[in-house]
Amino acid sequence: MNKHDADKRDLFAITDLANEFGISTRAIRFYETKGLLKPDRLGSTRVFRRRDRARLILILRGKRLGFTLRDISEYLSLYDADNTRTAQVKLLIGKVDERLELLHAQLADLETTITELTEIRQLADDRLHNASSEG
């Protein structure tokens, strides 16, 4: 199923979504147990609607960007609570700012670590070079 076909459909089986997004059905069931997805049931079969698919897209994007399931859940719950989406957008801005701050700090730490490791490597190379020229 390609994205264009999926955008036109109204109902999806769990395997449809798993295949489309390259995740396991177990992951989708996990998101369901966390209350992030709420499929309908036809007997024992889960039936996902377009809304569930859209929520899954947001969940996967949020996870890829490093947000916690709690953050994602809070964001998704505001979608239903506020028709203007103002609270949702404000929450998003705050969470994005927090994430950016953390990533900038991690980047600075990585740059420091890379510099230190490069210096250590150079000292080790110099030591080996000096030892081999003395012997």
C-alpha atoms as a PDB file:
ATOM      1  CA  MET A   1       0.000   0.000   0.000  1.00  0.00           C
ATOM      2  CA  ASN A   2       1.504   3.337  -0.982  1.00  0.00           C
ATOM      3  CA  LYS A   3       0.994   6.582   0.900  1.00  0.00           C
ATOM      4  CA  HIS A   4      -1.439   7.963  -1.659  1.00  0.00           C
ATOM      5  CA  ASP A   5      -3.682   4.891  -1.379  1.00  0.00           C
ATOM      6  CA  ALA A   6      -3.457   4.990   2.429  1.00  0.00           C
ATOM      7  CA  ASP A   7      -4.510   8.649   2.516  1.00  0.00           C
ATOM      8  CA  LYS A   8      -7.756   7.744   0.700  1.00  0.00           C
ATOM      9  CA  ARG A   9      -8.710   4.767   2.874  1.00  0.00           C
ATOM     10  CA  ASP A  10     -10.992   4.949   5.883  1.00  0.00           C
ATOM     11  CA  LEU A  11     -10.160   1.658   7.633  1.00  0.00           C
ATOM     12  CA  PHE A  12      -6.879  -0.135   8.305  1.00  0.00           C
ATOM     13  CA  ALA A  13      -5.933  -3.460   9.806  1.00  0.00           C
ATOM     14  CA  ILE A  14      -3.080  -3.484  12.283  1.00  0.00           C
ATOM     15  CA  THR A  15      -0.873  -5.236   9.713  1.00  0.00           C
ATOM     16  CA  ASP A  16      -1.616  -2.486   7.158  1.00  0.00           C
ATOM     17  CA  LEU A  17      -0.267   0.157   9.522  1.00  0.00           C
ATOM     18  CA  ALA A  18       2.663  -1.965  10.635  1.00  0.00           C
ATOM     19  CA  ASN A  19       3.717  -2.579   7.042  1.00  0.00           C
ATOM     20  CA  GLU A  20       3.189   1.034   5.964  1.00  0.00           C
ATOM     21  CA  PHE A  21       5.344   2.446   8.752  1.00  0.00           C
ATOM     22  CA  GLY A  22       7.858  -0.373   9.051  1.00  0.00           C
ATOM     23  CA  ILE A  23       7.045  -1.151  12.674  1.00  0.00           C
ATOM     24  CA  SER A  24       5.786  -4.256  14.416  1.00  0.00           C
ATOM     25  CA  THR A  25       2.178  -4.953  15.257  1.00  0.00           C
ATOM     26  CA  ARG A  26       3.452  -5.326  18.817  1.00  0.00           C
ATOM     27  CA  ALA A  27       4.570  -1.665  18.778  1.00  0.00           C
ATOM     28  CA  ILE A  28       1.116  -0.596  17.632  1.00  0.00           C
ATOM     29  CA  ARG A  29      -0.522  -2.665  20.382  1.00  0.00           C
ATOM     30  CA  PHE A  30       1.899  -1.068  22.880  1.00  0.00           C
ATOM     31  CA  TYR A  31       0.796   2.423  21.784  1.00  0.00           C
ATOM     32  CA  GLU A  32      -2.776   1.242  22.191  1.00  0.00           C
ATOM     33  CA  THR A  33      -2.132   0.038  25.762  1.00  0.00           C
ATOM     34  CA  LYS A  34      -0.653   3.463  26.542  1.00  0.00           C
ATOM     35  CA  GLY A  35      -3.885   5.084  25.325  1.00  0.00           C
ATOM     36  CA  LEU A  36      -2.248   6.772  22.352  1.00  0.00           C
ATOM     37  CA  LEU A  37      -4.325   4.836  19.818  1.00  0.00           C
ATOM     38  CA  LYS A  38      -7.952   3.826  20.225  1.00  0.00           C
ATOM     39  CA  PRO A  39      -8.971   1.444  17.460  1.00  0.00           C
ATOM     40  CA  ASP A  40     -12.493   0.181  17.111  1.00  0.00           C
ATOM     41  CA  ARG A  41     -13.144  -3.529  17.484  1.00  0.00           C
ATOM     42  CA  LEU A  42     -15.047  -5.855  15.223  1.00  0.00           C
ATOM     43  CA  GLY A  43     -15.149  -8.938  17.388  1.00  0.00           C
ATOM     44  CA  SER A  44     -11.518  -9.508  18.331  1.00  0.00           C
ATOM     45  CA  THR A  45     -10.157  -7.615  15.308  1.00  0.00           C
ATOM     46  CA  ARG A  46      -8.727  -4.140  15.715  1.00  0.00           C
ATOM     47  CA  VAL A  47      -9.967  -1.683  13.110  1.00  0.00           C
ATOM     48  CA  PHE A  48      -8.005   1.520  12.805  1.00  0.00           C
ATOM     49  CA  ARG A  49      -9.437   4.650  11.230  1.00  0.00           C
ATOM     50  CA  ARG A  50      -7.731   7.540   9.457  1.00  0.00           C
ATOM     51  CA  ARG A  51      -7.568   9.373  12.766  1.00  0.00           C
ATOM     52  CA  ASP A  52      -5.597   6.498  14.301  1.00  0.00           C
ATOM     53  CA  ARG A  53      -3.247   6.500  11.313  1.00  0.00           C
ATOM     54  CA  ALA A  54      -2.686  10.253  11.699  1.00  0.00           C
ATOM     55  CA  ARG A  55      -2.035   9.799  15.420  1.00  0.00           C
ATOM     56  CA  LEU A  56       0.433   7.003  14.652  1.00  0.00           C
ATOM     57  CA  ILE A  57       2.280   9.330  12.279  1.00  0.00           C
ATOM     58  CA  LEU A  58       2.543  11.896  15.088  1.00  0.00           C
ATOM     59  CA  ILE A  59       3.636   9.260  17.606  1.00  0.00           C
ATOM     60  CA  LEU A  60       6.395   7.974  15.336  1.00  0.00           C
ATOM     61  CA  ARG A  61       7.559  11.480  14.460  1.00  0.00           C
ATOM     62  CA  GLY A  62       7.585  12.425  18.137  1.00  0.00           C
ATOM     63  CA  LYS A  63       9.621   9.338  19.040  1.00  0.00           C
ATOM     64  CA  ARG A  64      12.058  10.005  16.182  1.00  0.00           C
ATOM     65  CA  LEU A  65      12.555  13.549  17.475  1.00  0.00           C
ATOM     66  CA  GLY A  66      13.237  12.254  20.973  1.00  0.00           C
ATOM     67  CA  PHE A  67      10.016  13.106  22.760  1.00  0.00           C
ATOM     68  CA  THR A  68       8.781  10.827  25.515  1.00  0.00           C
ATOM     69  CA  LEU A  69       5.519   8.929  25.264  1.00  0.00           C
ATOM     70  CA  ARG A  70       4.244  11.147  28.070  1.00  0.00           C
ATOM     71  CA  ASP A  71       5.020  14.254  25.975  1.00  0.00           C
ATOM     72  CA  ILE A  72       3.333  12.720  22.949  1.00  0.00           C
ATOM     73  CA  SER A  73       0.308  11.661  24.983  1.00  0.00           C
ATOM     74  CA  GLU A  74      -0.066  15.143  26.448  1.00  0.00           C
ATOM     75  CA  TYR A  75       0.141  16.684  22.992  1.00  0.00           C
ATOM     76  CA  LEU A  76      -2.407  14.269  21.513  1.00  0.00           C
ATOM     77  CA  SER A  77      -4.844  14.723  24.404  1.00  0.00           C
ATOM     78  CA  LEU A  78      -4.925  18.470  23.797  1.00  0.00           C
ATOM     79  CA  TYR A  79      -6.017  17.862  20.216  1.00  0.00           C
ATOM     80  CA  ASP A  80      -9.382  16.615  21.441  1.00  0.00           C
ATOM     81  CA  ALA A  81      -9.720  19.140  24.262  1.00  0.00           C
ATOM     82  CA  ASP A  82      -9.158  22.419  22.367  1.00  0.00           C
ATOM     83  CA  ASN A  83     -10.827  23.164  19.042  1.00  0.00           C
ATOM     84  CA  THR A  84      -8.636  26.219  18.487  1.00  0.00           C
ATOM     85  CA  ARG A  85      -5.479  24.109  18.977  1.00  0.00           C
ATOM     86  CA  THR A  86      -3.958  27.065  20.878  1.00  0.00           C
ATOM     87  CA  ALA A  87      -3.052  25.017  23.955  1.00  0.00           C
ATOM     88  CA  GLN A  88      -1.678  22.263  21.742  1.00  0.00           C
ATOM     89  CA  VAL A  89       0.532  24.684  19.795  1.00  0.00           C
ATOM     90  CA  LYS A  90       1.765  26.354  23.000  1.00  0.00           C
ATOM     91  CA  LEU A  91       2.611  22.964  24.471  1.00  0.00           C
ATOM     92  CA  LEU A  92       4.390  22.015  21.260  1.00  0.00           C
ATOM     93  CA  ILE A  93       6.473  25.192  21.311  1.00  0.00           C
ATOM     94  CA  GLY A  94       7.468  24.584  24.925  1.00  0.00           C
ATOM     95  CA  LYS A  95       8.385  20.931  24.304  1.00  0.00           C
ATOM     96  CA  VAL A  96      10.334  21.797  21.144  1.00  0.00           C
ATOM     97  CA  ASP A  97      12.234  24.541  22.975  1.00  0.00           C
ATOM     98  CA  GLU A  98      13.105  22.087  25.796  1.00  0.00           C
ATOM     99  CA  ARG A  99      14.242  19.478  23.280  1.00  0.00           C
ATOM    100  CA  LEU A 100      16.327  21.992  21.327  1.00  0.00           C
ATOM    101  CA  GLU A 101      17.985  23.184  24.532  1.00  0.00           C
ATOM    102  CA  LEU A 102      18.855  19.616  25.472  1.00  0.00           C
ATOM    103  CA  LEU A 103      20.167  18.815  21.982  1.00  0.00           C
ATOM    104  CA  HIS A 104      22.320  21.963  21.916  1.00  0.00           C
ATOM    105  CA  ALA A 105      23.797  20.971  25.278  1.00  0.00           C
ATOM    106  CA  GLN A 106      24.442  17.445  24.002  1.00  0.00           C
ATOM    107  CA  LEU A 107      26.047  18.863  20.854  1.00  0.00           C
ATOM    108  CA  ALA A 108      28.369  21.026  22.950  1.00  0.00           C
ATOM    109  CA  ASP A 109      29.264  17.971  25.065  1.00  0.00           C
ATOM    110  CA  LEU A 110      29.925  15.940  21.918  1.00  0.00           C
ATOM    111  CA  GLU A 111      32.128  18.664  20.461  1.00  0.00           C
ATOM    112  CA  THR A 112      34.127  18.802  23.717  1.00  0.00           C
ATOM    113  CA  THR A 113      34.479  15.022  23.750  1.00  0.00           C
ATOM    114  CA  ILE A 114      35.591  14.945  20.108  1.00  0.00           C
ATOM    115  CA  THR A 115      38.191  17.628  20.790  1.00  0.00           C
ATOM    116  CA  GLU A 116      39.526  15.769  23.845  1.00  0.00           C
ATOM    117  CA  LEU A 117      39.641  12.428  22.028  1.00  0.00           C
ATOM    118  CA  THR A 118      41.420  14.024  19.076  1.00  0.00           C
ATOM    119  CA  GLU A 119      44.025  15.473  21.451  1.00  0.00           C
ATOM    120  CA  ILE A 120      44.470  12.122  23.212  1.00  0.00           C
ATOM    121  CA  ARG A 121      44.849  10.383  19.854  1.00  0.00           C
ATOM    122  CA  GLN A 122      47.477  12.916  18.769  1.00  0.00           C
ATOM    123  CA  LEU A 123      49.409  12.489  22.041  1.00  0.00           C
ATOM    124  CA  ALA A 124      49.297   8.697  21.633  1.00  0.00           C
ATOM    125  CA  ASP A 125      50.474   8.953  18.012  1.00  0.00           C
ATOM    126  CA  ASP A 126      53.292  11.293  19.087  1.00  0.00           C
ATOM    127  CA  ARG A 127      54.318   8.866  21.862  1.00  0.00           C
ATOM    128  CA  LEU A 128      54.412   5.951  19.418  1.00  0.00           C
ATOM    129  CA  HIS A 129      56.383   7.988  16.898  1.00  0.00           C
ATOM    130  CA  ASN A 130      58.896   9.072  19.533  1.00  0.00           C
ATOM    131  CA  ALA A 131      59.242   5.530  20.902  1.00  0.00           C
ATOM    132  CA  SER A 132      59.898   4.102  17.454  1.00  0.00           C
ATOM    133  CA  SER A 133      62.504   6.795  16.606  1.00  0.00           C
ATOM    134  CA  GLU A 134      64.333   6.168  19.900  1.00  0.00           C
ATOM    135  CA  GLY A 135      64.505   2.427  19.429  1.00  0.00           C
END
